[in-house]
Amino acid sequence: MVEFHTDHFSLPWNSSMASYVGADMTTTNTFTAVIYEGTPGVRVHRDHLRIVGTGRAELIDVVLAEVERGAGRIELCGGIGAEDAAAVRAAVGPGVRIGLTRYGFESLERIADYKRAAMAGELRPGAFLYLAPGLDPDRDRDTHTDAVFVPVPDPGAIAGVVASLSGLGLGLIELYGGLGVDAAAAAVRASGGQIPVGFVGYDD
């Protein structure tokens, strides 16, 4: 398992962050916790966002630990289904926003193919992109055995970031931390529709 050190990965708050967080992400004393089904452990640690891998059986415990740490938003990856998301909602209560990754119609066939391959033991690498003003997508990306985690300095940079990942043989791209439907559309275009693109929808 890849060793991961978080002590130099904090992202200072600045004025550009205020414009990024938007109407639903304005609380400065909370952060977004992205939870994905994969190798357990913290993959990305920034001031405004953490990405944490977990097994399915540990999902609720991992989510509750992030809420205890101060997460105000939980974003669940596309490998986590609606029933598990509902269980997370029941566990954390109404004070925390819960988002679940979804895929647009144009990505359904390819994400179904990804799922079939994964169930057969062929796990293709994924790319998790998250909004992080001030970070560099090349210099500040984190690569692990199951995924690459790439900061996007602004939504307009999505096409270039996706193009930079073209040689990795990606099975999927998922967008987090404020990258919404417009960014998803840009990612679909940038990949030529060849990679399924997921983005988070909240339950409120």
Protein backbone atom coordinates (compact mmCIF):
# COMPACT_ATOMS: atom_id res chain seq x y z
CA MET A 1 0.00 0.00 0.00
CA VAL A 2 1.31 3.46 -0.85
CA GLU A 3 2.40 5.53 2.14
CA PHE A 4 0.60 8.87 2.30
CA HIS A 5 1.76 11.86 4.30
CA THR A 6 -0.65 14.73 4.84
CA ASP A 7 1.41 17.30 6.72
CA HIS A 8 2.16 19.46 3.65
CA PHE A 9 -1.14 19.17 1.85
CA SER A 10 -3.24 21.90 3.48
CA LEU A 11 -4.75 24.53 1.22
CA PRO A 12 -4.80 28.05 2.70
CA TRP A 13 -8.08 29.92 2.66
CA ASN A 14 -8.02 32.86 0.29
CA SER A 15 -10.38 35.16 -1.56
CA SER A 16 -10.61 32.85 -4.59
CA MET A 17 -11.84 30.09 -2.29
CA ALA A 18 -14.76 32.29 -1.26
CA SER A 19 -15.95 32.47 -4.85
CA TYR A 20 -15.48 28.74 -5.30
CA VAL A 21 -17.46 27.52 -2.33
CA GLY A 22 -20.70 29.05 -3.56
CA ALA A 23 -24.01 29.27 -1.78
CA ASP A 24 -23.96 25.74 -0.40
CA MET A 25 -20.33 25.63 0.78
CA THR A 26 -19.84 28.87 2.72
CA THR A 27 -19.11 27.55 6.22
CA THR A 28 -15.42 28.00 6.87
CA ASN A 29 -15.23 25.74 9.93
CA THR A 30 -16.41 22.63 8.08
CA PHE A 31 -15.12 20.77 5.06
CA THR A 32 -16.24 18.31 2.40
CA ALA A 33 -15.43 14.64 2.97
CA VAL A 34 -15.38 12.50 -0.17
CA ILE A 35 -15.84 8.83 0.66
CA TYR A 36 -15.04 6.21 -1.96
CA GLU A 37 -15.04 2.42 -1.96
CA GLY A 38 -11.40 1.42 -2.27
CA THR A 39 -8.15 0.96 -0.37
CA PRO A 40 -8.81 2.20 3.19
CA GLY A 41 -7.14 5.40 4.30
CA VAL A 42 -6.89 9.12 3.69
CA ARG A 43 -5.91 9.82 0.10
CA VAL A 44 -6.17 13.63 0.03
CA HIS A 45 -6.12 16.07 2.93
CA ARG A 46 -6.76 19.75 2.23
CA ASP A 47 -8.24 22.40 4.48
CA HIS A 48 -11.50 22.36 2.54
CA LEU A 49 -11.67 18.71 1.44
CA ARG A 50 -10.60 15.20 2.42
CA ILE A 51 -10.82 12.07 0.27
CA VAL A 52 -11.01 8.83 2.23
CA GLY A 53 -11.10 5.24 0.99
CA THR A 54 -13.12 2.59 2.81
CA GLY A 55 -14.51 -0.90 2.54
CA ARG A 56 -18.29 -1.27 2.29
CA ALA A 57 -18.62 -2.75 5.79
CA GLU A 58 -16.80 0.23 7.33
CA LEU A 59 -18.69 2.92 5.40
CA ILE A 60 -20.89 4.22 8.23
CA ASP A 61 -18.03 4.27 10.74
CA VAL A 62 -15.79 6.17 8.32
CA VAL A 63 -18.52 8.71 7.56
CA LEU A 64 -19.25 9.26 11.26
CA ALA A 65 -15.54 9.77 11.93
CA GLU A 66 -15.41 12.47 9.25
CA VAL A 67 -18.50 14.17 10.67
CA GLU A 68 -16.92 14.08 14.11
CA ARG A 69 -13.82 15.68 12.58
CA GLY A 70 -15.99 18.53 11.30
CA ALA A 71 -17.28 17.56 7.84
CA GLY A 72 -20.37 19.52 6.86
CA ARG A 73 -20.78 17.75 3.52
CA ILE A 74 -20.34 14.07 2.67
CA GLU A 75 -19.90 13.16 -1.00
CA LEU A 76 -20.22 9.45 -1.79
CA CYS A 77 -18.59 7.86 -4.83
CA GLY A 78 -20.42 6.17 -7.69
CA GLY A 79 -19.67 2.71 -6.30
CA ILE A 80 -21.93 3.41 -3.33
CA GLY A 81 -25.61 2.75 -4.01
CA ALA A 82 -28.80 4.51 -2.97
CA GLU A 83 -29.51 2.12 -0.08
CA ASP A 84 -26.08 2.72 1.41
CA ALA A 85 -26.49 6.47 0.91
CA ALA A 86 -29.83 6.32 2.73
CA ALA A 87 -28.13 4.45 5.57
CA VAL A 88 -25.50 7.19 5.73
CA ARG A 89 -28.23 9.83 5.86
CA ALA A 90 -29.98 8.00 8.71
CA ALA A 91 -26.71 7.66 10.63
CA VAL A 92 -25.59 11.29 10.42
CA GLY A 93 -28.96 13.00 10.76
CA PRO A 94 -30.19 16.20 9.10
CA GLY A 95 -27.32 18.50 10.04
CA VAL A 96 -24.90 17.21 7.38
CA ARG A 97 -25.44 17.41 3.63
CA ILE A 98 -25.22 14.09 1.78
CA GLY A 99 -24.31 13.89 -1.90
CA LEU A 100 -24.20 10.80 -4.10
CA THR A 101 -22.34 10.51 -7.40
CA ARG A 102 -24.53 10.03 -10.47
CA TYR A 103 -23.83 9.51 -14.15
CA GLY A 104 -25.50 11.22 -17.10
CA PHE A 105 -27.32 9.26 -19.77
CA GLU A 106 -24.36 9.44 -22.15
CA SER A 107 -22.18 7.63 -19.59
CA LEU A 108 -24.54 4.79 -18.62
CA GLU A 109 -23.27 2.14 -21.05
CA ARG A 110 -19.63 2.79 -20.22
CA ILE A 111 -20.13 2.86 -16.45
CA ALA A 112 -22.10 -0.40 -16.73
CA ASP A 113 -19.11 -1.87 -18.60
CA TYR A 114 -16.80 -0.61 -15.85
CA LYS A 115 -18.98 -2.30 -13.22
CA ARG A 116 -19.03 -5.61 -15.12
CA ALA A 117 -15.24 -5.54 -15.44
CA ALA A 118 -14.79 -4.71 -11.75
CA MET A 119 -17.05 -7.57 -10.70
CA ALA A 120 -14.97 -9.89 -12.88
CA GLY A 121 -11.80 -8.76 -11.08
CA GLU A 122 -10.59 -6.25 -13.69
CA LEU A 123 -10.35 -2.99 -11.80
CA ARG A 124 -9.57 -0.12 -14.14
CA PRO A 125 -8.02 3.02 -12.63
CA GLY A 126 -10.25 5.96 -11.79
CA ALA A 127 -9.61 9.69 -11.64
CA PHE A 128 -11.15 11.81 -8.91
CA LEU A 129 -11.09 15.51 -9.76
CA TYR A 130 -11.85 18.13 -7.12
CA LEU A 131 -11.99 21.91 -7.14
CA ALA A 132 -8.98 23.50 -5.42
CA PRO A 133 -8.06 27.09 -6.34
CA GLY A 134 -4.35 27.72 -6.15
CA LEU A 135 -3.24 24.13 -6.70
CA ASP A 136 -1.59 22.75 -9.82
CA PRO A 137 -3.16 19.67 -11.47
CA ASP A 138 0.21 18.18 -12.37
CA ARG A 139 2.35 19.15 -9.41
CA ASP A 140 -0.27 18.57 -6.71
CA ARG A 141 -1.96 15.38 -7.90
CA ASP A 142 -1.80 12.26 -5.74
CA THR A 143 -1.45 8.88 -7.42
CA HIS A 144 -2.34 5.67 -5.60
CA THR A 145 -2.83 2.06 -6.55
CA ASP A 146 -6.58 2.40 -7.18
CA ALA A 147 -6.99 5.98 -8.40
CA VAL A 148 -5.40 9.31 -9.21
CA PHE A 149 -6.65 12.37 -7.31
CA VAL A 150 -6.28 15.62 -9.21
CA PRO A 151 -6.96 19.20 -8.04
CA VAL A 152 -8.65 21.50 -10.55
CA PRO A 153 -7.84 25.19 -9.99
CA ASP A 154 -11.07 26.40 -11.61
CA PRO A 155 -13.92 24.81 -13.59
CA GLY A 156 -12.57 26.24 -16.83
CA ALA A 157 -9.48 24.05 -16.48
CA ILE A 158 -11.45 20.79 -16.67
CA ALA A 159 -10.82 20.11 -20.37
CA GLY A 160 -7.07 20.49 -20.00
CA VAL A 161 -6.96 18.32 -16.89
CA VAL A 162 -8.95 15.53 -18.56
CA ALA A 163 -6.68 15.71 -21.62
CA SER A 164 -3.63 15.36 -19.36
CA LEU A 165 -5.01 12.04 -18.06
CA SER A 166 -5.57 10.50 -21.48
CA GLY A 167 -2.67 8.06 -21.26
CA LEU A 168 -3.74 6.42 -17.99
CA GLY A 169 -6.33 4.02 -19.40
CA LEU A 170 -9.00 5.38 -17.08
CA GLY A 171 -12.17 3.47 -16.40
CA LEU A 172 -14.03 6.46 -14.99
CA ILE A 173 -13.79 10.09 -13.96
CA GLU A 174 -15.66 11.46 -10.93
CA LEU A 175 -15.98 15.12 -9.94
CA TYR A 176 -16.12 16.39 -6.37
CA GLY A 177 -15.88 19.39 -4.10
CA GLY A 178 -17.87 21.90 -6.14
CA LEU A 179 -17.40 20.59 -9.69
CA GLY A 180 -20.97 20.20 -10.92
CA VAL A 181 -22.96 19.60 -14.07
CA ASP A 182 -21.15 22.17 -16.24
CA ALA A 183 -17.79 20.67 -15.32
CA ALA A 184 -19.18 17.19 -16.00
CA ALA A 185 -20.31 18.25 -19.48
CA ALA A 186 -16.86 19.69 -20.17
CA ALA A 187 -15.22 16.46 -19.00
CA VAL A 188 -17.46 14.38 -21.26
CA ARG A 189 -16.53 16.55 -24.24
CA ALA A 190 -12.83 16.50 -23.37
CA SER A 191 -12.81 12.69 -23.19
CA GLY A 192 -14.67 12.39 -26.48
CA GLY A 193 -17.41 10.52 -24.64
CA GLN A 194 -15.02 7.57 -24.16
CA ILE A 195 -14.85 7.72 -20.34
CA PRO A 196 -17.90 7.73 -18.05
CA VAL A 197 -18.10 10.92 -15.99
CA GLY A 198 -19.82 11.10 -12.62
CA PHE A 199 -20.73 14.15 -10.57
CA VAL A 200 -22.37 14.69 -7.20
CA GLY A 201 -26.06 15.41 -6.63
CA TYR A 202 -27.20 16.36 -3.13
CA ASP A 203 -30.34 15.17 -1.40
CA ASP A 204 -31.56 18.66 -0.42
